[in-house]
Amino acid sequence: MTAPTDARPALLVVYAPGSPAPDNLLASLTGAVEPCFVMLADYTEAHVRDAFPEALCVESSAPETAVRWAQERAVAGITTYSELALPFTAALAQLLGLAHHDPAAARAMTDKLEQRRRLAAAGVPTPRFAEIRSDDDIAPAAAAVGFPAVLKPRRGMGSTLVTRVGDEHELRAAVAAALQHRAGDYRVRAAEPALQLEAELRGGSWHDDERFGDYVSVESLIDHGRIVHLTVTDKLPLVPSFREAGNVMPSSLAPGQQEAVRATATAALQALGAYHGAAHTEIKLCPDGPRVIEVNGRLGGGLEYPMRMSSGFDPVLAIALLAVGRGTGELPRFHRHAMNYWVPPPSGAHTVTAIHGLEQVRAMDGVEHIAKLHGIGDRLDSRFGTDTVMIVLAAAAHGKALLDLRDAVDATLTIDYEPAPDPS
């Protein structure tokens, strides 16, 4: 490892799934900081570990095992880009005396039930909610929350096992399915077998184009408690079941609407005790005002790409510099709009059998890159989140032009699937 200098301080990066790809992460950090990687062994696959041969590999339940290793490298700061790694990172930061979200805040940002409790206690408008740990909890939860409702793992990421339920019969079936399948996916397997039921938030028509989704996100940096919002991000409409389809940045909402959204994000972050690091707050655009869907204490998944494309601002680097004490720096200045479109597979488990029209999409005006994540023969399962065959990255002068482009992609690109057997 190259010795850190005053100009290039050592940064401890806790790596787990949900982080930027290794090559992209190194491209952002190299030259600005000296990254020292800790990898969580219970989440990280062998081929990813190979990308960081000098990394320390530890169990996520044992942050104390990384203390001496970090001290020997004289790390000046600590961060993570992964939801899964947030509790470990907060605990290790506290052991090292480094600024970060503290363990209580990290728990509130990764435990949906604790998060709802904190938001409600702080007076942030919150839907009705209840915990389900066994069949005995189903009827009381249904009575307390009502229908329609949303069932989700108490801890999880990427819309994994999130299900809309319309009555108690559907709820019982969804609980059984969630408890059966949750152990098969790293995004929920490490958590206790607990689920959360909450009243479904109903969105309103805030945009002047119905092709935008009825929710947004706010991307933020927090510097020792001072909250700085980088941007509001528009969303493409969700696809069943609550899977994200993509983002358009910056938002096309009116200034007053964006200010209301930012104020809601600020209130939520303060209620959870966010202190030092990044945050991604998803907000439903309801008829009676913005309502928090959830708060994540890290960079929003994949949002570094549209932010770089639309403004030249690198949030991965900004988070690293914040962690080593360089502050939040200049805010992004947007000169165009950018989109990442996660071409959604059908609901259920399917195997990819053919892809048609890819070269025509690649040649479309505005398309800057296509990240192909899966190919012929690969299996995708909508129950386990927002997985996709490919992500289309595009830019244009206006958000509506990107919606037109998304429509053109849908009309041109055809991906064939066949139902896949359930391995469970």
Protein backbone atom coordinates (compact mmCIF):
# COMPACT_ATOMS: atom_id res chain seq x y z
CA MET A 1 0.00 0.00 0.00
CA THR A 2 1.24 3.50 -0.84
CA ALA A 3 1.76 5.58 2.31
CA PRO A 4 -0.89 8.29 2.78
CA THR A 5 0.12 11.95 2.65
CA ASP A 6 -1.48 15.20 3.76
CA ALA A 7 -2.61 15.70 0.16
CA ARG A 8 -3.90 12.14 -0.12
CA PRO A 9 -5.23 11.04 3.29
CA ALA A 10 -6.04 7.41 4.07
CA LEU A 11 -9.75 6.60 3.85
CA LEU A 12 -11.23 3.41 5.26
CA VAL A 13 -13.93 2.18 2.85
CA VAL A 14 -16.18 -0.63 4.04
CA TYR A 15 -17.19 -2.58 0.94
CA ALA A 16 -20.28 -4.76 0.51
CA PRO A 17 -22.92 -5.32 -2.19
CA GLY A 18 -24.65 -2.10 -3.16
CA SER A 19 -21.34 -0.23 -3.45
CA PRO A 20 -20.21 1.08 -6.84
CA ALA A 21 -18.40 -1.53 -8.93
CA PRO A 22 -14.73 -1.90 -7.91
CA ASP A 23 -13.34 -0.31 -11.09
CA ASN A 24 -15.69 2.67 -10.83
CA LEU A 25 -15.00 3.11 -7.13
CA LEU A 26 -11.24 3.11 -7.64
CA ALA A 27 -11.55 5.52 -10.56
CA SER A 28 -13.34 8.04 -8.33
CA LEU A 29 -11.02 7.70 -5.32
CA THR A 30 -7.57 7.26 -6.84
CA GLY A 31 -5.46 10.37 -6.61
CA ALA A 32 -7.69 12.09 -4.04
CA VAL A 33 -7.45 9.66 -1.11
CA GLU A 34 -5.53 6.50 -0.28
CA PRO A 35 -8.37 3.95 0.01
CA CYS A 36 -8.02 1.14 2.55
CA PHE A 37 -10.74 -1.46 2.00
CA VAL A 38 -12.47 -3.60 4.59
CA MET A 39 -14.72 -6.22 3.03
CA LEU A 40 -17.58 -7.97 4.78
CA ALA A 41 -16.94 -11.67 4.33
CA ASP A 42 -20.53 -12.78 4.88
CA TYR A 43 -21.74 -10.69 1.92
CA THR A 44 -18.89 -10.27 -0.55
CA GLU A 45 -18.26 -12.84 -3.26
CA ALA A 46 -14.78 -14.15 -4.08
CA HIS A 47 -14.48 -12.43 -7.47
CA VAL A 48 -15.12 -9.05 -5.81
CA ARG A 49 -12.51 -9.75 -3.15
CA ASP A 50 -10.02 -10.36 -5.95
CA ALA A 51 -10.46 -6.73 -7.04
CA PHE A 52 -9.10 -5.57 -3.66
CA PRO A 53 -6.23 -7.96 -2.91
CA GLU A 54 -4.94 -5.85 0.01
CA ALA A 55 -8.35 -5.56 1.68
CA LEU A 56 -9.05 -6.86 5.16
CA CYS A 57 -11.91 -9.37 5.10
CA VAL A 58 -13.98 -9.60 8.31
CA GLU A 59 -17.37 -10.75 9.50
CA SER A 60 -20.03 -8.05 9.63
CA SER A 61 -20.74 -8.89 13.28
CA ALA A 62 -17.16 -8.15 14.40
CA PRO A 63 -16.11 -4.53 13.73
CA GLU A 64 -13.62 -4.69 16.61
CA THR A 65 -11.44 -7.04 14.54
CA ALA A 66 -10.66 -4.19 12.13
CA VAL A 67 -9.59 -1.59 14.72
CA ARG A 68 -5.85 -2.36 14.88
CA TRP A 69 -5.65 -2.81 11.10
CA ALA A 70 -7.20 0.64 10.59
CA GLN A 71 -5.00 2.25 13.23
CA GLU A 72 -1.86 0.88 11.60
CA ARG A 73 -2.87 2.64 8.39
CA ALA A 74 -3.53 5.95 10.14
CA VAL A 75 -6.93 6.34 8.47
CA ALA A 76 -8.26 9.88 8.53
CA GLY A 77 -11.87 8.97 7.83
CA ILE A 78 -14.33 6.16 7.22
CA THR A 79 -17.26 5.65 4.86
CA THR A 80 -19.34 3.05 3.08
CA TYR A 81 -21.46 3.11 -0.06
CA SER A 82 -23.46 0.03 0.95
CA GLU A 83 -26.67 -0.28 2.92
CA LEU A 84 -25.56 -3.68 4.18
CA ALA A 85 -22.33 -2.27 5.58
CA LEU A 86 -23.81 0.77 7.34
CA PRO A 87 -24.20 -0.74 10.86
CA PHE A 88 -20.67 -2.20 10.76
CA THR A 89 -19.25 1.10 9.51
CA ALA A 90 -20.97 3.09 12.24
CA ALA A 91 -19.75 0.71 14.94
CA LEU A 92 -16.17 0.74 13.61
CA ALA A 93 -16.21 4.54 13.29
CA GLN A 94 -17.21 4.82 16.94
CA LEU A 95 -14.39 2.45 18.00
CA LEU A 96 -11.89 4.51 16.00
CA GLY A 97 -13.23 7.89 17.09
CA LEU A 98 -14.01 8.91 13.50
CA ALA A 99 -16.94 11.04 12.36
CA HIS A 100 -19.84 9.10 10.87
CA HIS A 101 -23.51 8.39 11.50
CA ASP A 102 -23.49 6.87 14.99
CA PRO A 103 -24.70 3.28 15.61
CA ALA A 104 -28.15 4.42 16.73
CA ALA A 105 -28.65 6.50 13.59
CA ALA A 106 -27.30 3.68 11.42
CA ARG A 107 -29.78 1.30 13.04
CA ALA A 108 -32.64 3.70 12.32
CA MET A 109 -31.49 4.00 8.70
CA THR A 110 -31.42 0.23 8.15
CA ASP A 111 -34.24 -0.97 10.40
CA LYS A 112 -37.53 0.13 8.85
CA LEU A 113 -39.53 -0.39 12.04
CA GLU A 114 -37.13 1.64 14.16
CA GLN A 115 -37.12 4.29 11.44
CA ARG A 116 -40.90 4.62 11.45
CA ARG A 117 -40.93 4.84 15.23
CA ARG A 118 -38.36 7.65 15.26
CA LEU A 119 -40.09 9.59 12.49
CA ALA A 120 -43.46 9.33 14.24
CA ALA A 121 -41.96 10.39 17.58
CA ALA A 122 -40.44 13.47 15.92
CA GLY A 123 -43.76 14.49 14.37
CA VAL A 124 -42.79 13.60 10.79
CA PRO A 125 -46.03 12.45 9.06
CA THR A 126 -45.87 8.66 8.95
CA PRO A 127 -48.25 5.96 7.66
CA ARG A 128 -49.72 3.44 10.09
CA PHE A 129 -47.29 0.56 10.66
CA ALA A 130 -46.88 -2.70 12.61
CA GLU A 131 -44.35 -5.49 13.02
CA ILE A 132 -44.99 -9.10 12.00
CA ARG A 133 -42.71 -11.81 13.42
CA SER A 134 -45.07 -14.80 13.23
CA ASP A 135 -48.56 -15.81 12.15
CA ASP A 136 -49.90 -14.65 15.51
CA ASP A 137 -49.03 -11.06 14.58
CA ILE A 138 -50.91 -11.01 11.27
CA ALA A 139 -54.46 -10.28 12.47
CA PRO A 140 -53.39 -7.55 14.96
CA ALA A 141 -51.18 -5.94 12.32
CA ALA A 142 -53.99 -5.99 9.76
CA ALA A 143 -56.36 -4.38 12.26
CA ALA A 144 -53.85 -1.68 13.17
CA VAL A 145 -52.75 -0.80 9.64
CA GLY A 146 -55.71 -1.55 7.39
CA PHE A 147 -55.66 -2.14 3.62
CA PRO A 148 -54.28 -1.64 1.05
CA ALA A 149 -50.92 -2.07 2.71
CA VAL A 150 -47.31 -2.85 1.90
CA LEU A 151 -45.40 -5.77 3.42
CA LYS A 152 -41.61 -5.52 3.50
CA PRO A 153 -38.68 -6.99 5.40
CA ARG A 154 -37.84 -5.00 8.51
CA ARG A 155 -34.29 -4.93 7.12
CA GLY A 156 -33.69 -5.18 3.40
CA MET A 157 -32.60 -3.30 0.30
CA GLY A 158 -33.46 -2.92 -3.37
CA SER A 159 -37.22 -3.57 -2.98
CA THR A 160 -36.46 -7.17 -2.01
CA LEU A 161 -39.62 -9.10 -1.04
CA VAL A 162 -41.75 -5.92 -0.93
CA THR A 163 -45.38 -6.82 -1.66
CA ARG A 164 -48.68 -4.96 -1.90
CA VAL A 165 -51.55 -6.69 -0.07
CA GLY A 166 -55.24 -5.91 -0.38
CA ASP A 167 -56.73 -7.98 2.44
CA GLU A 168 -55.80 -10.33 5.27
CA HIS A 169 -55.85 -13.41 3.02
CA GLU A 170 -53.28 -11.83 0.70
CA LEU A 171 -51.26 -10.72 3.71
CA ARG A 172 -51.06 -14.26 5.11
CA ALA A 173 -49.87 -15.60 1.76
CA ALA A 174 -47.31 -12.80 1.41
CA VAL A 175 -45.96 -13.36 4.93
CA ALA A 176 -45.53 -17.08 4.27
CA ALA A 177 -43.75 -16.41 0.98
CA ALA A 178 -41.49 -13.76 2.47
CA LEU A 179 -40.44 -15.93 5.41
CA GLN A 180 -39.80 -18.84 3.04
CA HIS A 181 -37.67 -16.93 0.54
CA ARG A 182 -35.92 -14.33 2.68
CA ALA A 183 -33.01 -16.66 3.58
CA GLY A 184 -32.10 -17.03 -0.10
CA ASP A 185 -31.00 -13.46 -0.74
CA TYR A 186 -28.12 -11.54 0.84
CA ARG A 187 -30.19 -8.35 0.91
CA VAL A 188 -32.33 -9.71 3.74
CA ARG A 189 -30.72 -12.94 4.97
CA ALA A 190 -28.64 -11.39 7.78
CA ALA A 191 -31.60 -9.82 9.55
CA GLU A 192 -33.89 -11.34 12.15
CA PRO A 193 -37.03 -12.98 10.69
CA ALA A 194 -39.17 -9.86 11.06
CA LEU A 195 -41.44 -8.13 8.59
CA GLN A 196 -43.18 -4.77 8.63
CA LEU A 197 -46.66 -3.90 7.44
CA GLU A 198 -47.49 -0.29 6.69
CA ALA A 199 -50.35 1.55 5.09
CA GLU A 200 -49.80 2.17 1.40
CA LEU A 201 -48.94 5.76 0.57
CA ARG A 202 -51.05 7.05 -2.32
CA GLY A 203 -49.27 9.42 -4.68
CA GLY A 204 -50.69 12.50 -6.36
CA SER A 205 -50.09 14.31 -9.65
CA TRP A 206 -47.24 16.71 -8.90
CA HIS A 207 -45.56 16.57 -12.31
CA ASP A 208 -47.11 17.92 -15.48
CA ASP A 209 -46.21 14.68 -17.30
CA GLU A 210 -47.79 11.45 -16.07
CA ARG A 211 -44.79 9.46 -17.32
CA PHE A 212 -42.88 10.57 -14.22
CA GLY A 213 -43.37 8.47 -11.12
CA ASP A 214 -45.27 9.72 -8.08
CA TYR A 215 -42.22 9.79 -5.84
CA VAL A 216 -38.77 11.39 -5.81
CA SER A 217 -35.55 11.12 -3.84
CA VAL A 218 -33.32 13.68 -2.19
CA GLU A 219 -29.56 13.17 -2.32
CA SER A 220 -27.77 14.71 0.66
CA LEU A 221 -24.46 15.12 2.44
CA ILE A 222 -24.31 15.67 6.19
CA ASP A 223 -21.22 17.37 7.64
CA HIS A 224 -21.16 17.03 11.45
CA GLY A 225 -24.93 17.49 11.54
CA ARG A 226 -25.15 20.20 8.87
CA ILE A 227 -27.39 18.93 6.07
CA VAL A 228 -26.62 19.89 2.47
CA HIS A 229 -29.01 18.67 -0.23
CA LEU A 230 -27.31 18.01 -3.56
CA THR A 231 -30.43 17.58 -5.68
CA VAL A 232 -33.95 16.23 -5.97
CA THR A 233 -34.22 13.27 -8.34
CA ASP A 234 -37.33 12.38 -10.33
CA LYS A 235 -38.28 8.72 -10.68
CA LEU A 236 -39.76 6.62 -13.41
CA PRO A 237 -43.00 4.87 -12.35
CA LEU A 238 -42.58 1.78 -10.21
CA VAL A 239 -43.21 -1.61 -11.78
CA PRO A 240 -44.82 -4.50 -9.85
CA SER A 241 -43.96 -5.25 -7.13
CA PHE A 242 -42.57 -1.89 -6.01
CA ARG A 243 -39.47 -2.26 -8.21
CA GLU A 244 -37.70 0.88 -9.30
CA ALA A 245 -37.34 1.45 -13.03
CA GLY A 246 -34.95 4.38 -13.06
CA ASN A 247 -34.17 8.00 -12.30
CA VAL A 248 -34.15 11.36 -14.07
CA MET A 249 -31.89 14.05 -12.62
CA PRO A 250 -32.34 16.88 -11.75
CA SER A 251 -36.03 17.06 -10.90
CA SER A 252 -38.54 18.82 -13.14
CA LEU A 253 -40.79 19.73 -10.20
CA ALA A 254 -41.55 23.40 -9.64
CA PRO A 255 -39.18 25.22 -7.24
CA GLY A 256 -41.80 25.43 -4.49
CA GLN A 257 -42.53 21.71 -4.75
CA GLN A 258 -38.84 20.89 -4.56
CA GLU A 259 -38.47 23.08 -1.48
CA ALA A 260 -41.28 21.17 0.25
CA VAL A 261 -39.57 17.89 -0.62
CA ARG A 262 -36.21 19.11 0.71
CA ALA A 263 -37.83 20.31 3.94
CA THR A 264 -39.35 16.86 4.46
CA ALA A 265 -35.96 15.22 3.87
CA THR A 266 -34.34 17.59 6.36
CA ALA A 267 -36.93 16.80 9.03
CA ALA A 268 -36.48 13.06 8.48
CA LEU A 269 -32.68 13.19 8.67
CA GLN A 270 -32.81 15.26 11.85
CA ALA A 271 -35.31 12.86 13.40
CA LEU A 272 -33.01 9.90 12.72
CA GLY A 273 -29.91 11.65 14.05
CA ALA A 274 -27.95 11.68 10.78
CA TYR A 275 -24.56 13.16 11.61
CA HIS A 276 -21.77 12.66 9.10
CA GLY A 277 -21.94 11.01 5.69
CA ALA A 278 -24.40 10.60 2.85
CA ALA A 279 -28.16 10.09 2.74
CA HIS A 280 -30.74 9.09 0.16
CA THR A 281 -34.32 9.93 1.17
CA GLU A 282 -37.22 8.57 -0.87
CA ILE A 283 -40.37 10.68 -0.69
CA LYS A 284 -43.89 9.98 -1.95
CA LEU A 285 -45.66 12.91 -3.60
CA CYS A 286 -49.02 12.61 -1.86
CA PRO A 287 -52.03 14.91 -2.43
CA ASP A 288 -51.71 16.29 1.13
CA GLY A 289 -47.95 16.80 0.96
CA PRO A 290 -44.67 14.90 0.73
CA ARG A 291 -44.37 11.76 2.87
CA VAL A 292 -41.21 9.81 3.68
CA ILE A 293 -41.02 6.36 2.11
CA GLU A 294 -37.64 5.60 3.68
CA VAL A 295 -34.26 7.10 4.51
CA ASN A 296 -31.00 5.38 3.60
CA GLY A 297 -27.69 6.46 5.13
CA ARG A 298 -25.65 6.14 1.96
CA LEU A 299 -25.53 7.19 -1.69
CA GLY A 300 -28.61 6.19 -3.65
CA GLY A 301 -27.97 3.07 -5.72
CA GLY A 302 -26.57 3.92 -9.15
CA LEU A 303 -27.18 7.65 -8.81
CA GLU A 304 -23.52 8.51 -9.30
CA TYR A 305 -23.98 7.96 -13.04
CA PRO A 306 -26.79 10.45 -13.81
CA MET A 307 -25.22 12.97 -11.42
CA ARG A 308 -21.90 12.85 -13.24
CA MET A 309 -23.61 12.95 -16.63
CA SER A 310 -25.85 15.91 -15.82
CA SER A 311 -23.45 18.05 -13.79
CA GLY A 312 -19.92 16.62 -13.82
CA PHE A 313 -20.20 16.24 -10.03
CA ASP A 314 -18.88 12.94 -8.64
CA PRO A 315 -20.81 12.05 -5.46
CA VAL A 316 -18.59 9.03 -4.79
CA LEU A 317 -15.58 11.35 -4.52
CA ALA A 318 -17.56 13.97 -2.59
CA ILE A 319 -18.52 11.41 0.06
CA ALA A 320 -14.89 10.31 0.36
CA LEU A 321 -13.63 13.88 0.78
CA LEU A 322 -16.33 14.59 3.36
CA ALA A 323 -15.22 11.51 5.31
CA VAL A 324 -11.60 12.71 5.55
CA GLY A 325 -12.59 16.17 6.73
CA ARG A 326 -12.61 18.14 3.48
CA GLY A 327 -16.22 19.31 3.91
CA THR A 328 -19.03 19.19 1.37
CA GLY A 329 -17.31 21.36 -1.25
CA GLU A 330 -19.16 22.98 -4.13
CA LEU A 331 -22.64 21.74 -4.96
CA PRO A 332 -23.39 20.21 -8.37
CA ARG A 333 -24.30 22.62 -11.15
CA PHE A 334 -26.63 20.96 -13.61
CA HIS A 335 -26.33 21.79 -17.29
CA ARG A 336 -28.60 19.04 -18.63
CA HIS A 337 -30.76 16.13 -17.49
CA ALA A 338 -29.64 12.51 -17.25
CA MET A 339 -31.44 9.18 -16.85
CA ASN A 340 -30.56 5.68 -15.81
CA TYR A 341 -33.29 3.32 -17.02
CA TRP A 342 -33.29 -0.14 -15.49
CA VAL A 343 -35.14 -2.12 -18.18
CA PRO A 344 -37.54 -4.11 -15.95
CA PRO A 345 -38.00 -7.87 -16.32
CA PRO A 346 -41.47 -9.38 -15.81
CA SER A 347 -42.74 -10.28 -12.36
CA GLY A 348 -41.69 -13.65 -11.02
CA ALA A 349 -38.69 -15.81 -11.79
CA HIS A 350 -37.60 -15.90 -15.44
CA THR A 351 -34.64 -16.94 -17.57
CA VAL A 352 -33.40 -14.66 -20.36
CA THR A 353 -33.70 -16.43 -23.73
CA ALA A 354 -33.08 -13.66 -26.31
CA ILE A 355 -32.33 -9.95 -26.65
CA HIS A 356 -33.44 -8.01 -29.76
CA GLY A 357 -32.86 -4.39 -30.77
CA LEU A 358 -29.86 -3.71 -28.54
CA GLU A 359 -27.73 -2.15 -31.28
CA GLN A 360 -30.60 0.10 -32.40
CA VAL A 361 -30.98 1.36 -28.82
CA ARG A 362 -27.24 1.89 -28.52
CA ALA A 363 -27.37 4.12 -31.62
CA MET A 364 -30.24 6.32 -30.36
CA ASP A 365 -29.52 10.02 -29.94
CA GLY A 366 -28.95 10.69 -26.25
CA VAL A 367 -27.93 7.17 -25.25
CA GLU A 368 -24.42 7.42 -23.79
CA HIS A 369 -23.87 3.94 -22.40
CA ILE A 370 -25.62 0.62 -21.88
CA ALA A 371 -24.50 -1.38 -18.86
CA LYS A 372 -25.35 -5.01 -19.63
CA LEU A 373 -25.74 -6.92 -16.38
CA HIS A 374 -27.21 -10.22 -17.56
CA GLY A 375 -27.22 -12.27 -20.74
CA ILE A 376 -28.80 -15.30 -22.38
CA GLY A 377 -29.42 -18.07 -19.88
CA ASP A 378 -29.30 -15.88 -16.77
CA ARG A 379 -32.09 -16.12 -14.20
CA LEU A 380 -33.82 -13.05 -12.76
CA ASP A 381 -36.36 -13.02 -9.95
CA SER A 382 -38.47 -9.94 -9.28
CA ARG A 383 -39.03 -10.96 -5.66
CA PHE A 384 -35.41 -10.12 -4.94
CA GLY A 385 -35.43 -6.47 -5.91
CA THR A 386 -34.52 -4.29 -8.82
CA ASP A 387 -32.35 -6.69 -10.82
CA THR A 388 -32.35 -6.08 -14.57
CA VAL A 389 -30.77 -7.27 -17.79
CA MET A 390 -29.35 -3.84 -18.59
CA ILE A 391 -29.28 -0.19 -17.59
CA VAL A 392 -29.61 2.47 -20.28
CA LEU A 393 -27.72 5.68 -19.43
CA ALA A 394 -28.82 8.73 -21.41
CA ALA A 395 -28.73 12.53 -21.33
CA ALA A 396 -30.77 15.33 -22.90
CA ALA A 397 -31.55 19.01 -22.47
CA HIS A 398 -34.87 18.34 -20.72
CA GLY A 399 -36.42 15.64 -18.58
CA LYS A 400 -39.32 15.10 -20.98
CA ALA A 401 -36.87 14.33 -23.79
CA LEU A 402 -35.56 11.50 -21.63
CA LEU A 403 -39.09 10.19 -21.11
CA ASP A 404 -39.49 10.20 -24.89
CA LEU A 405 -36.24 8.28 -25.16
CA ARG A 406 -37.42 5.75 -22.58
CA ASP A 407 -40.55 5.22 -24.67
CA ALA A 408 -38.40 4.72 -27.77
CA VAL A 409 -36.27 2.16 -25.93
CA ASP A 410 -39.38 0.25 -24.88
CA ALA A 411 -40.64 0.27 -28.48
CA THR A 412 -37.33 -0.98 -29.88
CA LEU A 413 -35.82 -3.31 -27.31
CA THR A 414 -37.32 -6.77 -26.85
CA ILE A 415 -36.07 -9.20 -24.23
CA ASP A 416 -37.51 -12.70 -24.33
CA TYR A 417 -37.95 -14.67 -21.12
CA GLU A 418 -39.26 -18.05 -20.11
CA PRO A 419 -40.50 -18.92 -16.63
CA ALA A 420 -37.73 -20.31 -14.44
CA PRO A 421 -38.23 -23.05 -11.87
CA ASP A 422 -38.07 -21.98 -8.25
CA PRO A 423 -34.85 -23.43 -6.78
CA SER A 424 -36.34 -23.39 -3.29
